[in-house]
C-alpha atoms as a PDB file:
ATOM      1  CA  MET A   1     139.029  84.221  33.518  1.00  0.00           C
ATOM      2  CA  TYR A   2     139.517  87.376  35.548  1.00  0.00           C
ATOM      3  CA  TYR A   3     140.973  87.911  38.977  1.00  0.00           C
ATOM      4  CA  SER A   4     140.498  90.241  41.899  1.00  0.00           C
ATOM      5  CA  TYR A   5     143.570  90.262  44.082  1.00  0.00           C
ATOM      6  CA  ILE A   6     145.277  91.684  47.127  1.00  0.00           C
ATOM      7  CA  LEU A   7     148.993  92.376  47.184  1.00  0.00           C
ATOM      8  CA  LYS A   8     150.995  92.922  50.342  1.00  0.00           C
ATOM      9  CA  SER A   9     154.055  95.136  50.440  1.00  0.00           C
ATOM     10  CA  GLU A  10     157.039  93.460  52.045  1.00  0.00           C
ATOM     11  CA  LYS A  11     158.459  96.943  52.602  1.00  0.00           C
ATOM     12  CA  ASP A  12     155.671  98.506  54.670  1.00  0.00           C
ATOM     13  CA  GLY A  13     153.130  95.697  55.200  1.00  0.00           C
ATOM     14  CA  LYS A  14     150.312  97.619  53.497  1.00  0.00           C
ATOM     15  CA  PHE A  15     147.829  96.130  51.057  1.00  0.00           C
ATOM     16  CA  TYR A  16     146.941  96.979  47.455  1.00  0.00           C
ATOM     17  CA  TYR A  17     143.664  95.862  45.870  1.00  0.00           C
ATOM     18  CA  GLY A  18     143.254  95.263  42.144  1.00  0.00           C
ATOM     19  CA  SER A  19     141.747  93.228  39.334  1.00  0.00           C
ATOM     20  CA  THR A  20     143.197  91.831  36.119  1.00  0.00           C
ATOM     21  CA  GLN A  21     142.924  89.154  33.466  1.00  0.00           C
ATOM     22  CA  ASN A  22     146.561  88.030  33.718  1.00  0.00           C
ATOM     23  CA  ILE A  23     147.647  87.820  37.356  1.00  0.00           C
ATOM     24  CA  GLU A  24     151.230  86.698  36.665  1.00  0.00           C
ATOM     25  CA  GLU A  25     151.924  89.583  34.284  1.00  0.00           C
ATOM     26  CA  ARG A  26     150.225  92.096  36.578  1.00  0.00           C
ATOM     27  CA  LEU A  27     152.345  91.020  39.562  1.00  0.00           C
ATOM     28  CA  LYS A  28     155.485  91.385  37.417  1.00  0.00           C
ATOM     29  CA  LYS A  29     154.442  94.938  36.471  1.00  0.00           C
ATOM     30  CA  HIS A  30     153.873  95.842  40.102  1.00  0.00           C
ATOM     31  CA  ASN A  31     157.268  94.512  41.155  1.00  0.00           C
ATOM     32  CA  LYS A  32     159.055  96.038  38.169  1.00  0.00           C
ATOM     33  CA  GLY A  33     157.829  99.503  39.188  1.00  0.00           C
ATOM     34  CA  ASP A  34     155.487 100.027  36.229  1.00  0.00           C
ATOM     35  CA  VAL A  35     152.489 100.732  38.501  1.00  0.00           C
ATOM     36  CA  LYS A  36     152.648 104.236  39.972  1.00  0.00           C
ATOM     37  CA  SER A  37     150.642 103.473  43.119  1.00  0.00           C
ATOM     38  CA  THR A  38     152.893 100.590  44.204  1.00  0.00           C
ATOM     39  CA  LYS A  39     156.257 101.695  42.815  1.00  0.00           C
ATOM     40  CA  GLY A  40     157.586 102.885  46.181  1.00  0.00           C
ATOM     41  CA  ARG A  41     156.222  99.890  48.104  1.00  0.00           C
ATOM     42  CA  ARG A  42     158.125  97.094  46.356  1.00  0.00           C
ATOM     43  CA  PRO A  43     158.606  94.196  46.670  1.00  0.00           C
ATOM     44  CA  LEU A  44     155.017  92.996  46.662  1.00  0.00           C
ATOM     45  CA  ILE A  45     153.686  89.495  47.174  1.00  0.00           C
ATOM     46  CA  LEU A  46     150.362  88.018  46.121  1.00  0.00           C
ATOM     47  CA  HIS A  47     148.430  87.828  49.396  1.00  0.00           C
ATOM     48  CA  PHE A  48     144.931  86.820  48.229  1.00  0.00           C
ATOM     49  CA  ILE A  49     143.218  86.038  44.936  1.00  0.00           C
ATOM     50  CA  GLU A  50     139.675  85.313  43.709  1.00  0.00           C
ATOM     51  CA  LEU A  51     138.684  83.992  40.294  1.00  0.00           C
ATOM     52  CA  HIS A  52     135.718  85.476  38.366  1.00  0.00           C
ATOM     53  CA  ASP A  53     133.906  84.727  35.103  1.00  0.00           C
ATOM     54  CA  SER A  54     133.827  88.325  33.896  1.00  0.00           C
ATOM     55  CA  ARG A  55     135.849  91.517  34.045  1.00  0.00           C
ATOM     56  CA  SER A  56     132.935  93.386  35.590  1.00  0.00           C
ATOM     57  CA  LEU A  57     132.624  90.887  38.464  1.00  0.00           C
ATOM     58  CA  ALA A  58     136.365  91.103  39.178  1.00  0.00           C
ATOM     59  CA  PHE A  59     136.194  94.912  39.157  1.00  0.00           C
ATOM     60  CA  GLN A  60     133.129  94.924  41.427  1.00  0.00           C
ATOM     61  CA  ARG A  61     134.973  92.720  43.894  1.00  0.00           C
ATOM     62  CA  GLU A  62     138.008  95.049  43.772  1.00  0.00           C
ATOM     63  CA  GLN A  63     135.723  97.970  44.587  1.00  0.00           C
ATOM     64  CA  PHE A  64     134.184  95.974  47.431  1.00  0.00           C
ATOM     65  CA  TYR A  65     137.646  95.361  48.932  1.00  0.00           C
ATOM     66  CA  LYS A  66     138.208  99.113  48.905  1.00  0.00           C
ATOM     67  CA  SER A  67     134.932  99.876  50.710  1.00  0.00           C
ATOM     68  CA  ILE A  68     134.299  99.998  54.463  1.00  0.00           C
ATOM     69  CA  ASP A  69     132.112  96.890  54.230  1.00  0.00           C
ATOM     70  CA  GLY A  70     134.870  95.134  52.286  1.00  0.00           C
ATOM     71  CA  TYR A  71     137.468  96.099  54.888  1.00  0.00           C
ATOM     72  CA  ILE A  72     135.252  94.709  57.651  1.00  0.00           C
ATOM     73  CA  PHE A  73     134.705  91.509  55.666  1.00  0.00           C
ATOM     74  CA  LEU A  74     138.434  91.058  54.971  1.00  0.00           C
ATOM     75  CA  LYS A  75     139.259  91.586  58.661  1.00  0.00           C
ATOM     76  CA  LYS A  76     136.478  89.265  59.848  1.00  0.00           C
ATOM     77  CA  GLU A  77     137.624  86.503  57.488  1.00  0.00           C
ATOM     78  CA  GLU A  78     141.226  87.146  58.596  1.00  0.00           C
ATOM     79  CA  ILE A  79     142.316  87.796  55.020  1.00  0.00           C
ATOM     80  CA  ILE A  80     144.072  91.008  56.032  1.00  0.00           C
END
């Protein structure tokens, strides 16, 4: 299984969008400082997660989150 996810920074309240096959390990890497884009925004919490059957579907969903339409959807559904 693959995941698309949203992390929330407890430091600045901003969101990070991603996808992975191992959500627990990925969250550890983010909080350890191994991910350049979130290193200065730690600690991070898992805010939202979706499960997908394929890597490509998880990545497509990540890209959707990052789009204007995705932002509108996430706001409308009160996810962010």
